[in-house]
C-alpha atoms as a PDB file:
ATOM      1  CA  ASN A   1      -0.554  28.761  28.486  1.00  0.00           C
ATOM      2  CA  THR A   2       1.781  25.872  27.753  1.00  0.00           C
ATOM      3  CA  LEU A   3      -0.243  22.876  26.557  1.00  0.00           C
ATOM      4  CA  GLY A   4       2.663  20.469  26.092  1.00  0.00           C
ATOM      5  CA  THR A   5       6.409  20.286  25.542  1.00  0.00           C
ATOM      6  CA  GLY A   6       9.011  17.892  24.184  1.00  0.00           C
ATOM      7  CA  PHE A   7       7.451  17.355  20.758  1.00  0.00           C
ATOM      8  CA  GLN A   8       9.705  16.086  17.966  1.00  0.00           C
ATOM      9  CA  SER A   9       8.039  18.223  15.274  1.00  0.00           C
ATOM     10  CA  ASP A  10       6.309  21.605  15.200  1.00  0.00           C
ATOM     11  CA  ASP A  11       4.712  20.972  11.780  1.00  0.00           C
ATOM     12  CA  TRP A  12       1.120  20.346  12.893  1.00  0.00           C
ATOM     13  CA  ASP A  13      -2.016  19.705  10.882  1.00  0.00           C
ATOM     14  CA  PHE A  14      -5.299  20.097  12.772  1.00  0.00           C
ATOM     15  CA  LEU A  15      -9.054  20.352  12.619  1.00  0.00           C
ATOM     16  CA  ASN A  16     -11.856  21.440  14.923  1.00  0.00           C
ATOM     17  CA  TYR A  17     -14.366  18.775  15.939  1.00  0.00           C
ATOM     18  CA  ASN A  18     -17.304  18.290  18.274  1.00  0.00           C
ATOM     19  CA  TYR A  19     -16.730  15.085  20.227  1.00  0.00           C
ATOM     20  CA  ASN A  20     -19.287  13.833  22.750  1.00  0.00           C
ATOM     21  CA  GLY A  21     -20.780  17.318  22.905  1.00  0.00           C
ATOM     22  CA  ASN A  22     -17.433  19.017  23.533  1.00  0.00           C
ATOM     23  CA  ASP A  23     -15.505  21.289  21.175  1.00  0.00           C
ATOM     24  CA  VAL A  24     -12.065  19.785  20.668  1.00  0.00           C
ATOM     25  CA  MET A  25      -9.108  20.141  18.342  1.00  0.00           C
ATOM     26  CA  ILE A  26      -7.408  17.134  16.734  1.00  0.00           C
ATOM     27  CA  LEU A  27      -3.692  17.654  16.037  1.00  0.00           C
ATOM     28  CA  VAL A  28      -1.168  15.503  14.144  1.00  0.00           C
ATOM     29  CA  ASN A  29       2.460  16.000  13.123  1.00  0.00           C
ATOM     30  CA  GLY A  30       3.512  12.591  11.786  1.00  0.00           C
ATOM     31  CA  VAL A  31       6.109  11.953  14.479  1.00  0.00           C
ATOM     32  CA  ASP A  32       4.473  12.330  17.864  1.00  0.00           C
ATOM     33  CA  ASN A  33       1.255  10.583  18.885  1.00  0.00           C
ATOM     34  CA  ASN A  34      -1.906  12.178  17.503  1.00  0.00           C
ATOM     35  CA  LYS A  35      -3.457  14.510  20.063  1.00  0.00           C
ATOM     36  CA  ILE A  36      -6.931  15.622  21.162  1.00  0.00           C
ATOM     37  CA  LEU A  37      -7.074  19.048  22.790  1.00  0.00           C
ATOM     38  CA  GLN A  38     -10.062  19.846  25.002  1.00  0.00           C
ATOM     39  CA  GLY A  39      -9.761  23.150  26.799  1.00  0.00           C
ATOM     40  CA  THR A  40      -6.169  23.068  28.002  1.00  0.00           C
ATOM     41  CA  THR A  41      -5.958  19.267  28.303  1.00  0.00           C
ATOM     42  CA  LEU A  42      -3.916  17.459  25.642  1.00  0.00           C
ATOM     43  CA  THR A  43      -4.370  13.673  25.424  1.00  0.00           C
ATOM     44  CA  ASN A  44      -3.249  10.934  23.044  1.00  0.00           C
ATOM     45  CA  MET A  45      -5.817   9.858  20.458  1.00  0.00           C
ATOM     46  CA  LYS A  46      -6.568   6.191  21.081  1.00  0.00           C
ATOM     47  CA  ASP A  47      -7.576   3.335  18.798  1.00  0.00           C
ATOM     48  CA  ARG A  48     -10.360   1.240  20.304  1.00  0.00           C
ATOM     49  CA  ARG A  49     -13.918   0.196  19.667  1.00  0.00           C
ATOM     50  CA  ILE A  50     -16.803   0.349  22.105  1.00  0.00           C
ATOM     51  CA  SER A  51     -18.334  -2.881  23.393  1.00  0.00           C
ATOM     52  CA  TYR A  52     -22.069  -3.083  24.104  1.00  0.00           C
ATOM     53  CA  ASP A  53     -24.107  -5.633  26.033  1.00  0.00           C
ATOM     54  CA  VAL A  54     -27.380  -7.117  24.762  1.00  0.00           C
ATOM     55  CA  GLN A  55     -29.304  -4.114  26.123  1.00  0.00           C
ATOM     56  CA  GLY A  56     -27.083  -1.711  24.151  1.00  0.00           C
ATOM     57  CA  THR A  57     -25.243  -0.399  27.211  1.00  0.00           C
ATOM     58  CA  ILE A  58     -21.490   0.177  27.039  1.00  0.00           C
ATOM     59  CA  ASN A  59     -19.747  -2.610  28.951  1.00  0.00           C
ATOM     60  CA  GLY A  60     -16.125  -2.012  27.942  1.00  0.00           C
ATOM     61  CA  TYR A  61     -13.697  -1.153  25.178  1.00  0.00           C
ATOM     62  CA  TYR A  62     -11.797  -3.433  22.803  1.00  0.00           C
ATOM     63  CA  ASP A  63      -8.307  -2.185  22.043  1.00  0.00           C
ATOM     64  CA  ALA A  64      -6.791  -2.413  18.548  1.00  0.00           C
ATOM     65  CA  ASN A  65      -5.564  -5.936  19.391  1.00  0.00           C
ATOM     66  CA  GLY A  66      -9.066  -7.139  20.243  1.00  0.00           C
ATOM     67  CA  VAL A  67      -8.471  -7.250  24.009  1.00  0.00           C
ATOM     68  CA  LEU A  68     -11.477  -6.149  26.080  1.00  0.00           C
ATOM     69  CA  LYS A  69     -10.778  -3.489  28.715  1.00  0.00           C
ATOM     70  CA  THR A  70     -13.242  -2.516  31.423  1.00  0.00           C
ATOM     71  CA  THR A  71     -12.659   1.224  30.967  1.00  0.00           C
ATOM     72  CA  GLU A  72     -11.407   3.474  28.189  1.00  0.00           C
ATOM     73  CA  ALA A  73      -8.586   4.697  30.422  1.00  0.00           C
ATOM     74  CA  LYS A  74      -7.098   1.184  30.400  1.00  0.00           C
ATOM     75  CA  VAL A  75      -6.789   1.146  26.593  1.00  0.00           C
ATOM     76  CA  THR A  76      -3.170   1.742  25.541  1.00  0.00           C
ATOM     77  CA  THR A  77      -3.377   1.226  21.754  1.00  0.00           C
ATOM     78  CA  LEU A  78      -3.166   4.520  19.867  1.00  0.00           C
ATOM     79  CA  SER A  79      -4.377   5.754  16.483  1.00  0.00           C
ATOM     80  CA  PRO A  80      -1.902   5.587  13.552  1.00  0.00           C
ATOM     81  CA  LYS A  81       0.571   8.480  13.657  1.00  0.00           C
ATOM     82  CA  ALA A  82      -0.451  10.826  10.861  1.00  0.00           C
ATOM     83  CA  LYS A  83       0.944  13.854   9.052  1.00  0.00           C
ATOM     84  CA  TYR A  84      -2.439  15.007   7.726  1.00  0.00           C
ATOM     85  CA  VAL A  85      -5.992  15.029   9.082  1.00  0.00           C
ATOM     86  CA  GLU A  86      -9.344  15.810   7.440  1.00  0.00           C
ATOM     87  CA  LEU A  87     -13.047  15.408   8.257  1.00  0.00           C
ATOM     88  CA  HIS A  88     -15.395  13.799   5.727  1.00  0.00           C
ATOM     89  CA  TYR A  89     -18.936  12.576   6.446  1.00  0.00           C
ATOM     90  CA  GLU A  90     -18.218  12.582  10.193  1.00  0.00           C
ATOM     91  CA  ARG A  91     -15.259  10.242   9.769  1.00  0.00           C
ATOM     92  CA  ILE A  92     -11.784  11.427  10.670  1.00  0.00           C
ATOM     93  CA  TRP A  93      -9.317  10.731   7.858  1.00  0.00           C
ATOM     94  CA  LEU A  94      -5.588  10.419   8.603  1.00  0.00           C
ATOM     95  CA  ALA A  95      -2.624   9.965   6.287  1.00  0.00           C
ATOM     96  CA  ASP A  96       1.020   9.043   6.786  1.00  0.00           C
ATOM     97  CA  ASP A  97       3.616   8.490   4.054  1.00  0.00           C
ATOM     98  CA  LYS A  98       2.054   5.300   2.665  1.00  0.00           C
ATOM     99  CA  SER A  99      -1.546   4.853   3.855  1.00  0.00           C
ATOM    100  CA  VAL A 100      -4.832   6.612   4.500  1.00  0.00           C
ATOM    101  CA  TYR A 101      -6.857   5.671   7.591  1.00  0.00           C
ATOM    102  CA  PHE A 102     -10.484   6.425   8.379  1.00  0.00           C
ATOM    103  CA  SER A 103     -12.319   6.301  11.703  1.00  0.00           C
ATOM    104  CA  LYS A 104     -15.782   5.153  12.619  1.00  0.00           C
ATOM    105  CA  ASP A 105     -18.337   7.881  11.950  1.00  0.00           C
ATOM    106  CA  PHE A 106     -18.772  10.190  14.964  1.00  0.00           C
ATOM    107  CA  ASP A 107     -15.904   8.444  16.781  1.00  0.00           C
ATOM    108  CA  PRO A 108     -12.385   9.803  16.120  1.00  0.00           C
ATOM    109  CA  GLN A 109     -10.826   7.116  18.323  1.00  0.00           C
ATOM    110  CA  ASP A 110     -12.029   3.998  16.471  1.00  0.00           C
ATOM    111  CA  TYR A 111      -9.782   2.918  13.593  1.00  0.00           C
ATOM    112  CA  THR A 112     -10.213  -0.783  14.363  1.00  0.00           C
ATOM    113  CA  VAL A 113     -10.788  -3.195  11.491  1.00  0.00           C
ATOM    114  CA  PRO A 114     -14.303  -4.737  11.469  1.00  0.00           C
ATOM    115  CA  THR A 115     -14.350  -8.261  12.894  1.00  0.00           C
ATOM    116  CA  ASP A 116     -17.123  -9.629  10.682  1.00  0.00           C
ATOM    117  CA  GLU A 117     -19.295  -8.731   7.690  1.00  0.00           C
ATOM    118  CA  VAL A 118     -22.085  -7.370   9.916  1.00  0.00           C
ATOM    119  CA  GLN A 119     -19.680  -4.736  11.280  1.00  0.00           C
ATOM    120  CA  ALA A 120     -18.198  -3.867   7.867  1.00  0.00           C
ATOM    121  CA  ASN A 121     -19.265  -0.216   8.014  1.00  0.00           C
ATOM    122  CA  GLN A 122     -19.312   0.280  11.763  1.00  0.00           C
ATOM    123  CA  HIS A 123     -15.619   0.832  12.459  1.00  0.00           C
ATOM    124  CA  GLY A 124     -12.488   2.143  10.736  1.00  0.00           C
ATOM    125  CA  GLY A 125      -9.982   0.906   8.210  1.00  0.00           C
ATOM    126  CA  GLU A 126      -6.846   1.480   6.156  1.00  0.00           C
ATOM    127  CA  ILE A 127      -6.337   2.137   2.442  1.00  0.00           C
ATOM    128  CA  VAL A 128      -2.766   1.469   1.319  1.00  0.00           C
ATOM    129  CA  MET A 129      -1.586   4.076  -1.180  1.00  0.00           C
ATOM    130  CA  GLU A 130       1.779   2.588  -2.172  1.00  0.00           C
ATOM    131  CA  SER A 131       2.516   2.811  -5.903  1.00  0.00           C
ATOM    132  CA  PHE A 132       5.121   1.607  -8.377  1.00  0.00           C
ATOM    133  CA  ASP A 133       7.064   4.896  -8.296  1.00  0.00           C
ATOM    134  CA  ALA A 134       7.678   4.553  -4.523  1.00  0.00           C
ATOM    135  CA  THR A 135       6.555   8.133  -3.850  1.00  0.00           C
ATOM    136  CA  LYS A 136       5.087   9.362  -0.565  1.00  0.00           C
ATOM    137  CA  ILE A 137       1.787  10.977   0.356  1.00  0.00           C
ATOM    138  CA  ILE A 138       2.351  14.714   0.677  1.00  0.00           C
ATOM    139  CA  GLY A 139      -1.194  15.983   1.222  1.00  0.00           C
ATOM    140  CA  LEU A 140      -4.754  15.016   2.155  1.00  0.00           C
ATOM    141  CA  LYS A 141      -7.732  17.277   1.358  1.00  0.00           C
ATOM    142  CA  VAL A 142     -11.501  17.128   1.004  1.00  0.00           C
ATOM    143  CA  VAL A 143     -12.358  18.636  -2.388  1.00  0.00           C
ATOM    144  CA  TYR A 144     -16.060  19.020  -3.159  1.00  0.00           C
ATOM    145  CA  ASP A 145     -17.392  15.629  -2.025  1.00  0.00           C
ATOM    146  CA  ASP A 146     -14.188  13.581  -2.352  1.00  0.00           C
ATOM    147  CA  VAL A 147     -11.238  12.729  -0.169  1.00  0.00           C
ATOM    148  CA  VAL A 148      -8.247  13.548  -2.392  1.00  0.00           C
ATOM    149  CA  VAL A 149      -4.803  12.099  -1.721  1.00  0.00           C
ATOM    150  CA  PHE A 150      -1.825  14.029  -3.075  1.00  0.00           C
ATOM    151  CA  LYS A 151       1.331  12.022  -3.746  1.00  0.00           C
ATOM    152  CA  GLU A 152       4.609  13.424  -5.006  1.00  0.00           C
ATOM    153  CA  LYS A 153       3.865  12.525  -8.631  1.00  0.00           C
ATOM    154  CA  SER A 154       0.208  11.483  -8.697  1.00  0.00           C
ATOM    155  CA  LEU A 155      -3.268  12.322  -7.493  1.00  0.00           C
ATOM    156  CA  PHE A 156      -5.912   9.910  -6.156  1.00  0.00           C
ATOM    157  CA  LYS A 157      -9.432  10.188  -4.816  1.00  0.00           C
ATOM    158  CA  ILE A 158     -11.228   7.812  -2.486  1.00  0.00           C
ATOM    159  CA  THR A 159     -14.489   6.621  -3.996  1.00  0.00           C
ATOM    160  CA  GLY A 160     -17.378   4.711  -2.430  1.00  0.00           C
ATOM    161  CA  ALA A 161     -20.531   5.581  -0.523  1.00  0.00           C
ATOM    162  CA  TYR A 162     -19.505   3.796   2.673  1.00  0.00           C
ATOM    163  CA  ALA A 163     -16.537   2.023   4.248  1.00  0.00           C
ATOM    164  CA  GLU A 164     -17.066  -1.388   2.656  1.00  0.00           C
ATOM    165  CA  GLN A 165     -16.996   0.234  -0.800  1.00  0.00           C
ATOM    166  CA  TYR A 166     -14.009   2.544  -0.326  1.00  0.00           C
ATOM    167  CA  SER A 167     -11.365   2.245  -3.017  1.00  0.00           C
ATOM    168  CA  LYS A 168      -8.708   4.459  -4.553  1.00  0.00           C
ATOM    169  CA  THR A 169      -9.044   5.904  -8.054  1.00  0.00           C
ATOM    170  CA  GLN A 170      -6.108   7.573  -9.763  1.00  0.00           C
ATOM    171  CA  ILE A 171      -6.926  11.020 -11.169  1.00  0.00           C
ATOM    172  CA  ALA A 172      -3.612  12.087 -12.694  1.00  0.00           C
ATOM    173  CA  THR A 173       0.132  11.489 -12.844  1.00  0.00           C
ATOM    174  CA  PHE A 174       2.952  14.013 -13.182  1.00  0.00           C
ATOM    175  CA  GLU A 175       6.596  13.950 -14.184  1.00  0.00           C
ATOM    176  CA  GLY A 176       7.584  16.440 -11.527  1.00  0.00           C
ATOM    177  CA  ALA A 177       6.928  16.588  -7.812  1.00  0.00           C
ATOM    178  CA  ILE A 178       3.908  18.356  -6.329  1.00  0.00           C
ATOM    179  CA  SER A 179       4.812  21.051  -3.816  1.00  0.00           C
ATOM    180  CA  ASN A 180       3.242  19.852  -0.574  1.00  0.00           C
ATOM    181  CA  SER A 181       2.892  23.319   0.949  1.00  0.00           C
ATOM    182  CA  SER A 182       1.146  24.791  -2.081  1.00  0.00           C
ATOM    183  CA  ILE A 183      -2.161  22.876  -2.015  1.00  0.00           C
ATOM    184  CA  ALA A 184      -5.114  25.259  -1.662  1.00  0.00           C
ATOM    185  CA  VAL A 185      -8.755  24.155  -1.637  1.00  0.00           C
ATOM    186  CA  THR A 186     -11.355  26.694  -2.742  1.00  0.00           C
ATOM    187  CA  SER A 187     -14.971  26.680  -3.886  1.00  0.00           C
ATOM    188  CA  GLY A 188     -13.588  26.336  -7.412  1.00  0.00           C
ATOM    189  CA  GLY A 189     -11.552  23.201  -6.706  1.00  0.00           C
ATOM    190  CA  ALA A 190      -8.037  22.439  -5.525  1.00  0.00           C
ATOM    191  CA  PHE A 191      -4.980  24.304  -6.804  1.00  0.00           C
ATOM    192  CA  PHE A 192      -1.358  23.237  -6.385  1.00  0.00           C
ATOM    193  CA  LEU A 193       2.128  23.787  -7.787  1.00  0.00           C
ATOM    194  CA  ASN A 194       4.037  21.251  -9.816  1.00  0.00           C
ATOM    195  CA  ILE A 195       7.461  21.499 -11.407  1.00  0.00           C
ATOM    196  CA  ASP A 196       5.992  22.897 -14.641  1.00  0.00           C
ATOM    197  CA  GLY A 197       3.283  25.230 -13.360  1.00  0.00           C
ATOM    198  CA  ILE A 198      -0.019  25.670 -11.515  1.00  0.00           C
ATOM    199  CA  TYR A 199      -2.567  22.843 -11.660  1.00  0.00           C
ATOM    200  CA  THR A 200      -6.188  22.567 -10.626  1.00  0.00           C
ATOM    201  CA  TYR A 201      -8.446  19.632  -9.789  1.00  0.00           C
ATOM    202  CA  ASP A 202     -12.063  20.576 -10.536  1.00  0.00           C
ATOM    203  CA  GLY A 203     -13.739  17.521  -9.026  1.00  0.00           C
ATOM    204  CA  THR A 204     -13.604  15.573 -12.284  1.00  0.00           C
ATOM    205  CA  GLN A 205     -10.218  16.068 -13.904  1.00  0.00           C
ATOM    206  CA  CYS A 206      -6.837  17.624 -13.269  1.00  0.00           C
ATOM    207  CA  TYR A 207      -5.216  20.067 -15.689  1.00  0.00           C
ATOM    208  CA  ILE A 208      -2.624  22.838 -15.879  1.00  0.00           C
ATOM    209  CA  VAL A 209      -3.950  26.402 -15.687  1.00  0.00           C
ATOM    210  CA  SER A 210      -0.683  28.360 -15.859  1.00  0.00           C
ATOM    211  CA  ARG A 211       2.812  27.494 -17.017  1.00  0.00           C
ATOM    212  CA  LYS A 212       5.572  28.302 -14.580  1.00  0.00           C
ATOM    213  CA  LEU A 213       6.907  31.843 -14.597  1.00  0.00           C
END
């Protein structure tokens, strides 16, 4: 069955997710809009936050610009186009070339920035990963209990127990470029290729385990 046509890239990253009691697949390719597949229906992943009245009943949806819409169908703002997608503590994590984005927990369509301190951990956000060497993000993985961001010449992990605390911590730097298609996550850590050999990240440190052949 054809689910969709006309895409600008066939290099998809994806994950399975249970959303509102339905099994769905979230797909990203960095060029086209992020997609949610339910059954045979492919829709754009939106960026909005739910509005509640004083009784706690949904009374609308704020789009990413803060404009209140009466129904979700009227929201036209979309989630940031991403090359990579991961799931960590019920938040969807996305990454493009320069930034990492995280959703509200249990809501893959809320990447909106909190509007006040009370809502600091109730919505999504962005962590800018630009660095002095001007390299791009080439991978995003969950290793043990960390979100790990692979750049061309460096490795970072996102630390913090909740959204308000999230920050980036550099794990390692490299002279060569990491091969973006070589990253493999196992129960023993993450393994990847660099210009000089095979490296592993064991949850604490990063080191070479085999010189190149």
